[in-house]
Amino acid sequence: MSGLPIAILASGRGSNFEAIAAAHARGELPGVTIAAVLSDRSDAPVLAKAKALGIAALTVPPPSTQAGESAAARRERHDSLI
């Protein structure tokens, strides 16, 4: 992989991803490599599109928010995940 690796965030069909990937294929994004596509939805069509292009496609579910959880507790839980 050469160039600055980038990850594209998507949650749906992937129209913006397709535009970025097409621009990359045309050489319009020099110095950039599309390393991965990340989605919060495992059923997002964009993931299949990325895989078809040989790009890593990952689902990253959002952390659940528990009712009544304080901001400090959310932050502590978040930090424990990374």
Protein backbone atom coordinates (compact mmCIF):
# COMPACT_ATOMS: atom_id res chain seq x y z
CA MET A 1 0.00 0.00 0.00
CA SER A 2 1.49 3.31 -1.02
CA GLY A 3 0.22 6.74 -0.11
CA LEU A 4 -1.58 8.06 2.91
CA PRO A 5 -4.06 5.39 4.03
CA ILE A 6 -7.58 6.70 4.54
CA ALA A 7 -10.76 5.09 5.83
CA ILE A 8 -14.16 6.06 4.52
CA LEU A 9 -17.12 6.16 6.89
CA ALA A 10 -20.47 5.17 5.42
CA SER A 11 -23.85 3.90 6.56
CA GLY A 12 -25.85 3.27 3.43
CA ARG A 13 -25.63 2.66 -0.30
CA GLY A 14 -22.15 4.08 -0.67
CA SER A 15 -22.67 6.73 -3.34
CA ASN A 16 -20.04 8.99 -1.79
CA PHE A 17 -17.66 6.04 -1.45
CA GLU A 18 -18.20 5.20 -5.14
CA ALA A 19 -17.37 8.78 -6.13
CA ILE A 20 -14.19 8.75 -4.02
CA ALA A 21 -13.15 5.32 -5.32
CA ALA A 22 -13.76 6.41 -8.93
CA ALA A 23 -11.73 9.58 -8.42
CA HIS A 24 -8.96 7.49 -6.88
CA ALA A 25 -9.03 5.06 -9.84
CA ARG A 26 -8.72 8.01 -12.24
CA GLY A 27 -5.63 9.21 -10.39
CA GLU A 28 -7.34 12.32 -9.04
CA LEU A 29 -6.30 11.61 -5.44
CA PRO A 30 -2.54 11.29 -5.66
CA GLY A 31 -0.75 10.17 -2.53
CA VAL A 32 -3.88 8.52 -1.06
CA THR A 33 -4.77 4.86 -0.63
CA ILE A 34 -8.27 3.78 0.38
CA ALA A 35 -7.44 1.37 3.18
CA ALA A 36 -10.90 0.58 4.53
CA VAL A 37 -14.59 1.36 4.56
CA LEU A 38 -16.26 1.46 7.97
CA SER A 39 -19.98 1.31 8.60
CA ASP A 40 -22.17 1.22 11.67
CA ARG A 41 -24.58 -1.09 9.79
CA SER A 42 -23.56 -4.64 8.93
CA ASP A 43 -26.17 -4.69 6.12
CA ALA A 44 -24.97 -1.48 4.44
CA PRO A 45 -24.55 -2.11 0.69
CA VAL A 46 -21.36 -0.04 0.72
CA LEU A 47 -19.55 -2.89 2.49
CA ALA A 48 -20.12 -5.27 -0.44
CA LYS A 49 -19.02 -2.56 -2.87
CA ALA A 50 -15.78 -2.06 -0.97
CA LYS A 51 -15.11 -5.81 -0.81
CA ALA A 52 -15.69 -6.08 -4.57
CA LEU A 53 -12.89 -3.55 -5.05
CA GLY A 54 -10.57 -5.43 -2.69
CA ILE A 55 -10.90 -2.83 0.06
CA ALA A 56 -11.30 -3.90 3.68
CA ALA A 57 -14.91 -3.49 4.79
CA LEU A 58 -15.63 -3.41 8.50
CA THR A 59 -18.68 -2.97 10.68
CA VAL A 60 -18.13 -0.85 13.77
CA PRO A 61 -21.32 -0.80 15.80
CA PRO A 62 -21.95 2.34 17.82
CA PRO A 63 -21.62 1.93 21.56
CA SER A 64 -24.95 1.44 23.24
CA THR A 65 -26.16 4.25 25.42
CA GLN A 66 -27.74 3.17 28.64
CA ALA A 67 -30.58 5.25 29.98
CA GLY A 68 -29.45 7.50 32.79
CA GLU A 69 -25.77 6.93 32.10
CA SER A 70 -23.68 10.00 32.94
CA ALA A 71 -21.28 11.54 30.45
CA ALA A 72 -18.37 10.47 32.67
CA ALA A 73 -19.61 6.86 32.75
CA ARG A 74 -20.05 6.89 28.94
CA ARG A 75 -16.52 8.22 28.54
CA GLU A 76 -15.09 5.58 30.87
CA ARG A 77 -16.94 2.83 28.98
CA HIS A 78 -15.78 4.28 25.66
CA ASP A 79 -12.17 4.44 26.80
CA SER A 80 -12.29 0.82 27.94
CA LEU A 81 -13.23 -0.21 24.38
CA ILE A 82 -10.24 1.40 22.72
